[in-house]
Amino acid sequence: MNTVEFGLMYHSFETNITGMQLMMGFAQCAQDEEVKKYFTKGKELSKEILKQTEDILLGNHIQPPPHREAR
C-alpha cells in the first residue's frame, strides 16, 4: 500500500466515523419511525464500511485510527 492509497483509506475511515455518529444522532431525534429506520440503516452501513476498511489496513500491517463503536 502506498502513501496515496493509505491517505484515501484514512480519509474513508474518518468520513465514515463522522457519518455514523451524525446518523446516530439524527435517528435519536427523528420523530417519524420510517426516518429513524433510514438513519439506523445508514449507521449500520457505515459500521460495515469501517470494518472492511479496518480489515484492509490491518492486512497491510497498518494500525487503523481508533474509533468508538456507535450503539
C-alpha atoms as a PDB file:
ATOM      1  CA  MET A   1       0.000   0.000   0.000  1.00  0.00           C
ATOM      2  CA  ASN A   2       1.487   3.344  -0.972  1.00  0.00           C
ATOM      3  CA  THR A   3       1.084   6.723   0.690  1.00  0.00           C
ATOM      4  CA  VAL A   4      -1.738   7.904  -1.581  1.00  0.00           C
ATOM      5  CA  GLU A   5      -3.739   4.726  -1.010  1.00  0.00           C
ATOM      6  CA  PHE A   6      -3.203   4.997   2.728  1.00  0.00           C
ATOM      7  CA  GLY A   7      -4.390   8.608   2.672  1.00  0.00           C
ATOM      8  CA  LEU A   8      -7.564   7.628   0.856  1.00  0.00           C
ATOM      9  CA  MET A   9      -8.235   4.746   3.259  1.00  0.00           C
ATOM     10  CA  TYR A  10      -7.672   7.002   6.262  1.00  0.00           C
ATOM     11  CA  HIS A  11      -9.998   9.642   4.803  1.00  0.00           C
ATOM     12  CA  SER A  12     -12.653   6.959   4.203  1.00  0.00           C
ATOM     13  CA  PHE A  13     -12.293   5.839   7.807  1.00  0.00           C
ATOM     14  CA  GLU A  14     -12.639   9.350   9.238  1.00  0.00           C
ATOM     15  CA  THR A  15     -15.569  10.205   6.947  1.00  0.00           C
ATOM     16  CA  ASN A  16     -17.488   7.082   7.931  1.00  0.00           C
ATOM     17  CA  ILE A  17     -16.878   7.657  11.647  1.00  0.00           C
ATOM     18  CA  THR A  18     -18.318  11.161  11.341  1.00  0.00           C
ATOM     19  CA  GLY A  19     -21.244   9.963   9.217  1.00  0.00           C
ATOM     20  CA  MET A  20     -22.039   7.137  11.604  1.00  0.00           C
ATOM     21  CA  GLN A  21     -22.130   9.492  14.575  1.00  0.00           C
ATOM     22  CA  LEU A  22     -24.302  12.008  12.720  1.00  0.00           C
ATOM     23  CA  MET A  23     -26.784   9.335  11.629  1.00  0.00           C
ATOM     24  CA  MET A  24     -26.982   8.000  15.157  1.00  0.00           C
ATOM     25  CA  GLY A  25     -27.800  11.486  16.438  1.00  0.00           C
ATOM     26  CA  PHE A  26     -30.391  12.109  13.715  1.00  0.00           C
ATOM     27  CA  ALA A  27     -32.006   8.714  14.398  1.00  0.00           C
ATOM     28  CA  GLN A  28     -32.328   9.587  18.084  1.00  0.00           C
ATOM     29  CA  CYS A  29     -34.024  12.906  17.265  1.00  0.00           C
ATOM     30  CA  ALA A  30     -36.281  11.696  14.455  1.00  0.00           C
ATOM     31  CA  GLN A  31     -39.956  11.500  15.345  1.00  0.00           C
ATOM     32  CA  ASP A  32     -41.094   9.551  12.283  1.00  0.00           C
ATOM     33  CA  GLU A  33     -40.393   5.813  12.620  1.00  0.00           C
ATOM     34  CA  GLU A  34     -39.545   5.441   8.919  1.00  0.00           C
ATOM     35  CA  VAL A  35     -36.946   8.218   9.179  1.00  0.00           C
ATOM     36  CA  LYS A  36     -35.470   6.538  12.275  1.00  0.00           C
ATOM     37  CA  LYS A  37     -35.127   3.262  10.378  1.00  0.00           C
ATOM     38  CA  TYR A  38     -33.476   5.064   7.454  1.00  0.00           C
ATOM     39  CA  PHE A  39     -30.815   6.644   9.675  1.00  0.00           C
ATOM     40  CA  THR A  40     -30.282   3.407  11.602  1.00  0.00           C
ATOM     41  CA  LYS A  41     -29.750   1.577   8.306  1.00  0.00           C
ATOM     42  CA  GLY A  42     -27.196   4.236   7.300  1.00  0.00           C
ATOM     43  CA  LYS A  43     -25.394   3.845  10.621  1.00  0.00           C
ATOM     44  CA  GLU A  44     -25.155   0.079  10.095  1.00  0.00           C
ATOM     45  CA  LEU A  45     -23.818   0.622   6.561  1.00  0.00           C
ATOM     46  CA  SER A  46     -21.110   2.936   7.929  1.00  0.00           C
ATOM     47  CA  LYS A  47     -20.175   0.333  10.549  1.00  0.00           C
ATOM     48  CA  GLU A  48     -19.813  -2.278   7.805  1.00  0.00           C
ATOM     49  CA  ILE A  49     -17.615   0.027   5.706  1.00  0.00           C
ATOM     50  CA  LEU A  50     -15.471   0.794   8.766  1.00  0.00           C
ATOM     51  CA  LYS A  51     -14.993  -2.916   9.421  1.00  0.00           C
ATOM     52  CA  GLN A  52     -13.942  -3.553   5.815  1.00  0.00           C
ATOM     53  CA  THR A  53     -11.559  -0.586   5.804  1.00  0.00           C
ATOM     54  CA  GLU A  54     -10.092  -1.679   9.128  1.00  0.00           C
ATOM     55  CA  ASP A  55      -9.513  -5.194   7.742  1.00  0.00           C
ATOM     56  CA  ILE A  56      -7.671  -3.803   4.711  1.00  0.00           C
ATOM     57  CA  LEU A  57      -5.431  -1.623   6.873  1.00  0.00           C
ATOM     58  CA  LEU A  58      -4.684  -4.450   9.309  1.00  0.00           C
ATOM     59  CA  GLY A  59      -3.988  -6.768   6.379  1.00  0.00           C
ATOM     60  CA  ASN A  60      -1.259  -4.341   5.334  1.00  0.00           C
ATOM     61  CA  HIS A  61       0.150  -4.154   8.881  1.00  0.00           C
ATOM     62  CA  ILE A  62      -1.154  -0.617   9.451  1.00  0.00           C
ATOM     63  CA  GLN A  63      -2.927   0.242  12.691  1.00  0.00           C
ATOM     64  CA  PRO A  64      -6.293   1.872  11.858  1.00  0.00           C
ATOM     65  CA  PRO A  65      -7.307   5.069  13.677  1.00  0.00           C
ATOM     66  CA  PRO A  66      -9.098   4.418  16.969  1.00  0.00           C
ATOM     67  CA  HIS A  67     -12.852   4.853  16.965  1.00  0.00           C
ATOM     68  CA  ARG A  68     -15.688   4.325  19.364  1.00  0.00           C
ATOM     69  CA  GLU A  69     -18.435   1.947  18.377  1.00  0.00           C
ATOM     70  CA  ALA A  70     -21.784   3.705  17.960  1.00  0.00           C
ATOM     71  CA  ARG A  71     -24.527   1.981  19.904  1.00  0.00           C
END
